[in-house]
Amino acid sequence: TVRAHSIELEVSHISYREYVANRQTIRHEDWTLPNPLAVCCVVVTADDEIVVCRRGRVDLGKGQLHVIGGFVEHKNTPNLKDLCVRSIVDEIQEELGIAVAKDRLELLGLFYDLMSPHPELCFRATVSHNLREIEHLMPKDGEHGELYGIEADARMIRRFRTEHATELTPSGDAALY
């Protein structure tokens, strides 16, 4: 349910492992096995670049371009908002090697990926590091290979999306829209 300035989600606890084992929604009379909630983030650097990475060691979207993100880990946090915020902060730390304060996050919206069915919350974060610093801090054994910087300008973002349309994950494309 979407209301002015808020999104209400009904989610249940399903692990990423359970999701990978069965990506199809199972329908049995009046119950449905839900898909897990994912989060992604448009990270804007101090030098006004948007960070985009080529996915490496991952099951979904391997070899494709994507913004930072992953699946929400249910860590005994009853508050879904806190859980989502903590999950994207953890993903940024894990994938880029940088810490982001919660107050630097802005919720952009909700996207539903029909290719690998799951809902994904898209955030934006402005960080104090420039792109070159992030390249050096990014874990070398992490899940990403190439790192791209897109000038945070509407014209340049459109150009990147057009030039790389077949390489972008659906949610990466939606986050850059």
Protein backbone atom coordinates (compact mmCIF):
# COMPACT_ATOMS: atom_id res chain seq x y z
CA THR A 1 0.00 0.00 0.00
CA VAL A 2 1.43 3.40 -0.94
CA ARG A 3 0.26 6.54 0.83
CA ALA A 4 1.61 10.06 0.79
CA HIS A 5 5.11 9.89 2.31
CA SER A 6 4.83 6.24 3.35
CA ILE A 7 4.84 2.70 2.03
CA GLU A 8 3.19 -0.17 3.89
CA LEU A 9 4.58 -3.63 3.20
CA GLU A 10 3.46 -7.03 4.30
CA VAL A 11 6.50 -9.28 4.38
CA SER A 12 7.35 -12.52 6.05
CA HIS A 13 10.60 -14.09 7.13
CA ILE A 14 12.06 -16.02 4.21
CA SER A 15 15.78 -16.44 3.86
CA TYR A 16 17.79 -15.73 0.75
CA ARG A 17 18.72 -19.43 0.67
CA GLU A 18 15.04 -20.42 0.62
CA TYR A 19 14.41 -17.90 -2.14
CA VAL A 20 17.26 -19.15 -4.32
CA ALA A 21 16.08 -22.73 -3.85
CA ASN A 22 12.62 -21.81 -5.13
CA ARG A 23 12.19 -18.51 -6.99
CA GLN A 24 8.66 -19.27 -8.08
CA THR A 25 5.81 -18.05 -5.92
CA ILE A 26 3.97 -21.13 -4.68
CA ARG A 27 0.19 -20.87 -4.60
CA HIS A 28 -1.85 -23.37 -2.67
CA GLU A 29 -5.49 -22.50 -2.28
CA ASP A 30 -5.39 -19.55 0.10
CA TRP A 31 -1.69 -19.15 0.98
CA THR A 32 1.33 -17.89 -0.90
CA LEU A 33 5.00 -18.35 -0.12
CA PRO A 34 6.26 -14.77 -0.32
CA ASN A 35 9.50 -13.66 -1.90
CA PRO A 36 12.12 -11.88 0.20
CA LEU A 37 12.47 -8.13 0.40
CA ALA A 38 15.60 -6.63 -1.15
CA VAL A 39 17.19 -3.20 -0.78
CA CYS A 40 19.36 -1.20 -3.17
CA CYS A 41 21.00 2.20 -3.00
CA VAL A 42 22.09 4.91 -5.40
CA VAL A 43 25.35 5.96 -3.71
CA VAL A 44 26.39 9.51 -4.62
CA THR A 45 30.03 10.32 -3.90
CA ALA A 46 31.60 13.56 -2.66
CA ASP A 47 32.72 14.26 -6.25
CA ASP A 48 29.11 13.90 -7.45
CA GLU A 49 29.44 10.47 -9.07
CA ILE A 50 26.90 7.64 -8.77
CA VAL A 51 28.50 4.28 -7.97
CA VAL A 52 27.53 1.37 -10.22
CA CYS A 53 29.21 -2.03 -10.00
CA ARG A 54 29.41 -5.09 -12.23
CA ARG A 55 28.07 -8.05 -10.25
CA GLY A 56 30.53 -10.87 -9.80
CA ARG A 57 30.13 -13.56 -7.15
CA VAL A 58 26.36 -13.53 -6.92
CA ASP A 59 23.55 -15.80 -8.01
CA LEU A 60 21.20 -13.14 -9.36
CA GLY A 61 22.34 -10.81 -12.13
CA LYS A 62 25.89 -12.14 -12.39
CA GLY A 63 27.87 -10.00 -14.85
CA GLN A 64 25.22 -7.27 -14.91
CA LEU A 65 25.54 -3.68 -13.74
CA HIS A 66 23.79 -2.82 -10.51
CA VAL A 67 23.74 -0.23 -7.76
CA ILE A 68 24.69 -1.42 -4.27
CA GLY A 69 22.17 -3.78 -2.72
CA GLY A 70 21.12 -7.13 -1.40
CA PHE A 71 18.41 -8.99 0.43
CA VAL A 72 17.13 -7.93 3.84
CA GLU A 73 18.54 -10.14 6.56
CA HIS A 74 15.97 -10.82 9.27
CA LYS A 75 18.09 -10.26 12.39
CA ASN A 76 15.56 -10.31 15.20
CA THR A 77 14.55 -6.71 14.53
CA PRO A 78 10.78 -6.38 14.88
CA ASN A 79 10.64 -2.97 13.20
CA LEU A 80 10.71 -3.39 9.40
CA LYS A 81 11.88 0.20 8.82
CA ASP A 82 14.90 -0.26 11.11
CA LEU A 83 15.60 -3.64 9.52
CA CYS A 84 15.62 -2.21 5.98
CA VAL A 85 17.78 0.75 6.94
CA ARG A 86 20.24 -1.49 8.77
CA SER A 87 20.31 -3.89 5.81
CA ILE A 88 21.23 -1.21 3.25
CA VAL A 89 23.82 0.34 5.59
CA ASP A 90 25.34 -3.16 6.01
CA GLU A 91 25.31 -3.75 2.23
CA ILE A 92 27.13 -0.46 1.55
CA GLN A 93 29.76 -1.36 4.18
CA GLU A 94 30.14 -4.90 2.83
CA GLU A 95 30.27 -4.01 -0.87
CA LEU A 96 32.10 -0.66 -0.85
CA GLY A 97 34.00 -0.74 2.44
CA ILE A 98 32.51 2.55 3.67
CA ALA A 99 30.23 3.45 6.55
CA VAL A 100 27.07 5.45 5.91
CA ALA A 101 25.07 7.14 8.64
CA LYS A 102 21.34 6.41 8.68
CA ASP A 103 20.56 10.12 8.37
CA ARG A 104 22.33 10.13 4.97
CA LEU A 105 19.70 7.77 3.49
CA GLU A 106 16.64 8.83 1.55
CA LEU A 107 13.96 6.35 0.45
CA LEU A 108 13.34 6.71 -3.30
CA GLY A 109 10.59 4.11 -3.65
CA LEU A 110 9.62 0.50 -4.10
CA PHE A 111 10.31 -1.58 -7.20
CA TYR A 112 9.05 -5.07 -7.99
CA ASP A 113 11.46 -7.11 -10.11
CA LEU A 114 9.41 -9.39 -12.39
CA MET A 115 12.50 -11.15 -13.78
CA SER A 116 13.48 -12.66 -10.44
CA PRO A 117 10.30 -11.93 -8.54
CA HIS A 118 10.89 -9.91 -5.39
CA PRO A 119 10.13 -6.42 -4.07
CA GLU A 120 13.06 -4.04 -3.65
CA LEU A 121 13.24 -0.79 -1.70
CA CYS A 122 15.45 1.79 -3.42
CA PHE A 123 17.42 4.33 -1.37
CA ARG A 124 19.81 7.17 -2.11
CA ALA A 125 22.85 7.91 0.06
CA THR A 126 25.31 10.77 -0.17
CA VAL A 127 28.74 9.79 1.12
CA SER A 128 31.83 11.80 2.09
CA HIS A 129 34.24 9.71 -0.02
CA ASN A 130 35.07 10.39 -3.65
CA LEU A 131 34.99 7.66 -6.29
CA ARG A 132 38.77 7.10 -6.24
CA GLU A 133 38.74 6.61 -2.46
CA ILE A 134 35.90 4.11 -2.78
CA GLU A 135 37.85 2.18 -5.43
CA HIS A 136 40.69 1.77 -2.91
CA LEU A 137 38.41 0.93 0.04
CA MET A 138 36.21 -1.53 -1.86
CA PRO A 139 36.96 -5.13 -0.78
CA LYS A 140 38.99 -6.84 -3.52
CA ASP A 141 37.48 -10.24 -2.77
CA GLY A 142 33.95 -8.85 -2.69
CA GLU A 143 31.05 -9.62 -4.93
CA HIS A 144 31.80 -6.89 -7.48
CA GLY A 145 34.35 -6.61 -10.24
CA GLU A 146 34.36 -3.36 -12.18
CA LEU A 147 33.33 -0.11 -10.54
CA TYR A 148 31.75 2.65 -12.62
CA GLY A 149 31.08 6.27 -11.78
CA ILE A 150 28.23 8.11 -13.49
CA GLU A 151 28.15 11.87 -13.23
CA ALA A 152 25.10 12.65 -11.06
CA ASP A 153 23.46 14.69 -13.79
CA ALA A 154 20.12 13.70 -15.38
CA ARG A 155 21.56 13.85 -18.92
CA MET A 156 24.57 11.68 -18.04
CA ILE A 157 22.41 9.16 -16.15
CA ARG A 158 20.07 8.84 -19.17
CA ARG A 159 23.08 8.38 -21.43
CA PHE A 160 24.54 5.65 -19.19
CA ARG A 161 21.15 3.87 -18.97
CA THR A 162 20.80 3.98 -22.76
CA GLU A 163 24.35 2.81 -23.49
CA HIS A 164 24.16 -0.01 -20.92
CA ALA A 165 20.46 -0.92 -21.20
CA THR A 166 21.12 -4.62 -21.82
CA GLU A 167 23.64 -4.81 -18.97
CA LEU A 168 21.65 -3.19 -16.15
CA THR A 169 19.69 -5.28 -13.68
CA PRO A 170 15.99 -4.32 -13.66
CA SER A 171 16.20 -2.84 -10.16
CA GLY A 172 19.51 -1.10 -10.94
CA ASP A 173 17.86 0.54 -13.94
CA ALA A 174 14.82 1.53 -11.87
CA ALA A 175 17.03 3.01 -9.13
CA LEU A 176 18.82 5.18 -11.71
CA TYR A 177 15.58 6.34 -13.30
